[in-house]
C-alpha atoms as a PDB file:
ATOM      1  CA  MET A   1       0.000   0.000   0.000  1.00  0.00           C
ATOM      2  CA  SER A   2       1.096   3.549  -0.637  1.00  0.00           C
ATOM      3  CA  ILE A   3       0.129   6.982   0.634  1.00  0.00           C
ATOM      4  CA  VAL A   4       0.853  10.574  -0.327  1.00  0.00           C
ATOM      5  CA  LEU A   5       1.757  12.895   2.554  1.00  0.00           C
ATOM      6  CA  GLY A   6       2.250  16.629   2.477  1.00  0.00           C
ATOM      7  CA  ASP A   7       0.519  19.938   2.010  1.00  0.00           C
ATOM      8  CA  ARG A   8      -3.207  19.995   1.271  1.00  0.00           C
ATOM      9  CA  TYR A   9      -2.855  21.045  -2.371  1.00  0.00           C
ATOM     10  CA  THR A  10      -0.369  18.351  -3.334  1.00  0.00           C
ATOM     11  CA  VAL A  11      -2.278  15.642  -1.479  1.00  0.00           C
ATOM     12  CA  ASP A  12      -5.576  16.701  -3.089  1.00  0.00           C
ATOM     13  CA  LEU A  13      -4.006  16.573  -6.554  1.00  0.00           C
ATOM     14  CA  PHE A  14      -2.744  13.025  -5.995  1.00  0.00           C
ATOM     15  CA  LYS A  15      -6.111  11.993  -4.558  1.00  0.00           C
ATOM     16  CA  LEU A  16      -7.633  13.068  -7.882  1.00  0.00           C
ATOM     17  CA  LEU A  17      -5.172  10.675  -9.539  1.00  0.00           C
ATOM     18  CA  GLY A  18      -6.459   7.841  -7.333  1.00  0.00           C
ATOM     19  CA  PHE A  19      -3.917   7.816  -4.509  1.00  0.00           C
ATOM     20  CA  GLU A  20      -4.634   7.596  -0.834  1.00  0.00           C
ATOM     21  CA  GLY A  21      -3.424  10.739   0.898  1.00  0.00           C
ATOM     22  CA  ARG A  22      -3.184  12.649   4.120  1.00  0.00           C
ATOM     23  CA  ALA A  23      -2.616  16.380   4.367  1.00  0.00           C
ATOM     24  CA  VAL A  24      -0.536  17.585   7.299  1.00  0.00           C
ATOM     25  CA  ASP A  25       0.185  21.000   8.776  1.00  0.00           C
ATOM     26  CA  ASP A  26       3.926  20.676   9.340  1.00  0.00           C
ATOM     27  CA  GLU A  27       6.908  18.366   9.006  1.00  0.00           C
ATOM     28  CA  LYS A  28       6.667  17.115  12.606  1.00  0.00           C
ATOM     29  CA  GLU A  29       3.118  15.891  12.042  1.00  0.00           C
ATOM     30  CA  LEU A  30       4.235  14.220   8.800  1.00  0.00           C
ATOM     31  CA  TYR A  31       7.179  12.465  10.437  1.00  0.00           C
ATOM     32  CA  ASP A  32       5.054  11.283  13.370  1.00  0.00           C
ATOM     33  CA  TYR A  33       2.450   9.919  10.951  1.00  0.00           C
ATOM     34  CA  ILE A  34       5.097   7.952   9.038  1.00  0.00           C
ATOM     35  CA  VAL A  35       6.529   6.440  12.218  1.00  0.00           C
ATOM     36  CA  ARG A  36       3.062   5.441  13.463  1.00  0.00           C
ATOM     37  CA  ASN A  37       2.167   3.865  10.105  1.00  0.00           C
ATOM     38  CA  LEU A  38       5.352   2.082   9.043  1.00  0.00           C
ATOM     39  CA  ASN A  39       3.574  -1.242   9.447  1.00  0.00           C
ATOM     40  CA  VAL A  40       0.630  -0.103   7.266  1.00  0.00           C
ATOM     41  CA  TYR A  41       2.287   1.358   4.147  1.00  0.00           C
ATOM     42  CA  ASN A  42       5.190   0.204   2.005  1.00  0.00           C
ATOM     43  CA  VAL A  43       5.560   3.368  -0.076  1.00  0.00           C
ATOM     44  CA  PHE A  44       5.417   6.926   1.250  1.00  0.00           C
ATOM     45  CA  PHE A  45       5.197   9.745  -1.304  1.00  0.00           C
ATOM     46  CA  ILE A  46       6.232  12.944   0.486  1.00  0.00           C
ATOM     47  CA  SER A  47       5.782  16.465  -0.871  1.00  0.00           C
ATOM     48  CA  SER A  48       9.096  18.212  -1.430  1.00  0.00           C
ATOM     49  CA  ASN A  49       8.326  21.185   0.802  1.00  0.00           C
ATOM     50  CA  TYR A  50       8.279  18.829   3.818  1.00  0.00           C
ATOM     51  CA  ALA A  51      10.812  16.283   2.557  1.00  0.00           C
ATOM     52  CA  LYS A  52      13.488  18.991   2.388  1.00  0.00           C
ATOM     53  CA  LYS A  53      12.967  19.776   6.065  1.00  0.00           C
ATOM     54  CA  LEU A  54      13.079  16.093   7.016  1.00  0.00           C
ATOM     55  CA  ARG A  55      16.015  14.979   4.868  1.00  0.00           C
ATOM     56  CA  ARG A  56      18.084  13.570   7.765  1.00  0.00           C
ATOM     57  CA  GLN A  57      15.126  11.838   9.445  1.00  0.00           C
ATOM     58  CA  LEU A  58      13.973  10.301   6.156  1.00  0.00           C
ATOM     59  CA  ASP A  59      17.483   9.006   5.463  1.00  0.00           C
ATOM     60  CA  GLU A  60      17.487   7.357   8.907  1.00  0.00           C
ATOM     61  CA  LEU A  61      14.084   5.795   8.229  1.00  0.00           C
ATOM     62  CA  ARG A  62      15.374   4.450   4.899  1.00  0.00           C
ATOM     63  CA  MET A  63      18.361   2.858   6.608  1.00  0.00           C
ATOM     64  CA  ARG A  64      16.293   1.313   9.415  1.00  0.00           C
ATOM     65  CA  ASN A  65      13.492   0.146   7.090  1.00  0.00           C
ATOM     66  CA  PRO A  66      15.072  -1.116   3.857  1.00  0.00           C
ATOM     67  CA  LYS A  67      11.800  -2.671   2.639  1.00  0.00           C
ATOM     68  CA  LYS A  68      10.002   0.674   2.787  1.00  0.00           C
ATOM     69  CA  VAL A  69      10.182   3.247   0.007  1.00  0.00           C
ATOM     70  CA  PHE A  70      10.217   6.993   0.645  1.00  0.00           C
ATOM     71  CA  VAL A  71       9.766   9.090  -2.505  1.00  0.00           C
ATOM     72  CA  GLU A  72       9.992  12.870  -2.668  1.00  0.00           C
ATOM     73  CA  ILE A  73       7.423  14.370  -5.036  1.00  0.00           C
ATOM     74  CA  PRO A  74       7.239  17.991  -6.220  1.00  0.00           C
ATOM     75  CA  SER A  75       4.938  20.077  -4.069  1.00  0.00           C
ATOM     76  CA  VAL A  76       2.237  22.002  -5.902  1.00  0.00           C
ATOM     77  CA  LEU A  77       3.060  24.980  -3.665  1.00  0.00           C
ATOM     78  CA  GLU A  78       6.714  25.031  -4.726  1.00  0.00           C
ATOM     79  CA  ASN A  79       6.086  24.504  -8.405  1.00  0.00           C
ATOM     80  CA  MET A  80       3.730  27.365  -9.179  1.00  0.00           C
ATOM     81  CA  GLU A  81       6.396  28.976 -11.401  1.00  0.00           C
ATOM     82  CA  ARG A  82       7.035  25.947 -13.589  1.00  0.00           C
ATOM     83  CA  GLU A  83       4.874  23.282 -15.123  1.00  0.00           C
ATOM     84  CA  VAL A  84       5.031  19.770 -13.684  1.00  0.00           C
ATOM     85  CA  ASN A  85       3.338  16.847 -15.398  1.00  0.00           C
ATOM     86  CA  TYR A  86       2.220  14.937 -12.310  1.00  0.00           C
ATOM     87  CA  LEU A  87       0.625  12.100 -14.273  1.00  0.00           C
ATOM     88  CA  GLN A  88       3.906  11.466 -16.098  1.00  0.00           C
ATOM     89  CA  LEU A  89       5.755  11.673 -12.771  1.00  0.00           C
ATOM     90  CA  VAL A  90       3.483   9.020 -11.258  1.00  0.00           C
ATOM     91  CA  ARG A  91       3.999   6.758 -14.257  1.00  0.00           C
ATOM     92  CA  GLN A  92       7.779   7.089 -13.929  1.00  0.00           C
ATOM     93  CA  ILE A  93       7.693   6.350 -10.215  1.00  0.00           C
ATOM     94  CA  LEU A  94       5.420   3.325 -10.569  1.00  0.00           C
ATOM     95  CA  GLY A  95       7.098   2.072 -13.730  1.00  0.00           C
ATOM     96  CA  GLY A  96       4.028   2.291 -15.963  1.00  0.00           C
END
Protein backbone atom coordinates (compact mmCIF):
# COMPACT_ATOMS: atom_id res chain seq x y z
CA MET A 1 0.00 0.00 0.00
CA SER A 2 1.10 3.55 -0.64
CA ILE A 3 0.13 6.98 0.63
CA VAL A 4 0.85 10.57 -0.33
CA LEU A 5 1.76 12.89 2.55
CA GLY A 6 2.25 16.63 2.48
CA ASP A 7 0.52 19.94 2.01
CA ARG A 8 -3.21 20.00 1.27
CA TYR A 9 -2.86 21.04 -2.37
CA THR A 10 -0.37 18.35 -3.33
CA VAL A 11 -2.28 15.64 -1.48
CA ASP A 12 -5.58 16.70 -3.09
CA LEU A 13 -4.01 16.57 -6.55
CA PHE A 14 -2.74 13.02 -5.99
CA LYS A 15 -6.11 11.99 -4.56
CA LEU A 16 -7.63 13.07 -7.88
CA LEU A 17 -5.17 10.68 -9.54
CA GLY A 18 -6.46 7.84 -7.33
CA PHE A 19 -3.92 7.82 -4.51
CA GLU A 20 -4.63 7.60 -0.83
CA GLY A 21 -3.42 10.74 0.90
CA ARG A 22 -3.18 12.65 4.12
CA ALA A 23 -2.62 16.38 4.37
CA VAL A 24 -0.54 17.59 7.30
CA ASP A 25 0.18 21.00 8.78
CA ASP A 26 3.93 20.68 9.34
CA GLU A 27 6.91 18.37 9.01
CA LYS A 28 6.67 17.11 12.61
CA GLU A 29 3.12 15.89 12.04
CA LEU A 30 4.24 14.22 8.80
CA TYR A 31 7.18 12.47 10.44
CA ASP A 32 5.05 11.28 13.37
CA TYR A 33 2.45 9.92 10.95
CA ILE A 34 5.10 7.95 9.04
CA VAL A 35 6.53 6.44 12.22
CA ARG A 36 3.06 5.44 13.46
CA ASN A 37 2.17 3.86 10.11
CA LEU A 38 5.35 2.08 9.04
CA ASN A 39 3.57 -1.24 9.45
CA VAL A 40 0.63 -0.10 7.27
CA TYR A 41 2.29 1.36 4.15
CA ASN A 42 5.19 0.20 2.00
CA VAL A 43 5.56 3.37 -0.08
CA PHE A 44 5.42 6.93 1.25
CA PHE A 45 5.20 9.75 -1.30
CA ILE A 46 6.23 12.94 0.49
CA SER A 47 5.78 16.46 -0.87
CA SER A 48 9.10 18.21 -1.43
CA ASN A 49 8.33 21.19 0.80
CA TYR A 50 8.28 18.83 3.82
CA ALA A 51 10.81 16.28 2.56
CA LYS A 52 13.49 18.99 2.39
CA LYS A 53 12.97 19.78 6.06
CA LEU A 54 13.08 16.09 7.02
CA ARG A 55 16.02 14.98 4.87
CA ARG A 56 18.08 13.57 7.77
CA GLN A 57 15.13 11.84 9.45
CA LEU A 58 13.97 10.30 6.16
CA ASP A 59 17.48 9.01 5.46
CA GLU A 60 17.49 7.36 8.91
CA LEU A 61 14.08 5.79 8.23
CA ARG A 62 15.37 4.45 4.90
CA MET A 63 18.36 2.86 6.61
CA ARG A 64 16.29 1.31 9.42
CA ASN A 65 13.49 0.15 7.09
CA PRO A 66 15.07 -1.12 3.86
CA LYS A 67 11.80 -2.67 2.64
CA LYS A 68 10.00 0.67 2.79
CA VAL A 69 10.18 3.25 0.01
CA PHE A 70 10.22 6.99 0.64
CA VAL A 71 9.77 9.09 -2.51
CA GLU A 72 9.99 12.87 -2.67
CA ILE A 73 7.42 14.37 -5.04
CA PRO A 74 7.24 17.99 -6.22
CA SER A 75 4.94 20.08 -4.07
CA VAL A 76 2.24 22.00 -5.90
CA LEU A 77 3.06 24.98 -3.67
CA GLU A 78 6.71 25.03 -4.73
CA ASN A 79 6.09 24.50 -8.40
CA MET A 80 3.73 27.36 -9.18
CA GLU A 81 6.40 28.98 -11.40
CA ARG A 82 7.03 25.95 -13.59
CA GLU A 83 4.87 23.28 -15.12
CA VAL A 84 5.03 19.77 -13.68
CA ASN A 85 3.34 16.85 -15.40
CA TYR A 86 2.22 14.94 -12.31
CA LEU A 87 0.62 12.10 -14.27
CA GLN A 88 3.91 11.47 -16.10
CA LEU A 89 5.75 11.67 -12.77
CA VAL A 90 3.48 9.02 -11.26
CA ARG A 91 4.00 6.76 -14.26
CA GLN A 92 7.78 7.09 -13.93
CA ILE A 93 7.69 6.35 -10.21
CA LEU A 94 5.42 3.32 -10.57
CA GLY A 95 7.10 2.07 -13.73
CA GLY A 96 4.03 2.29 -15.96
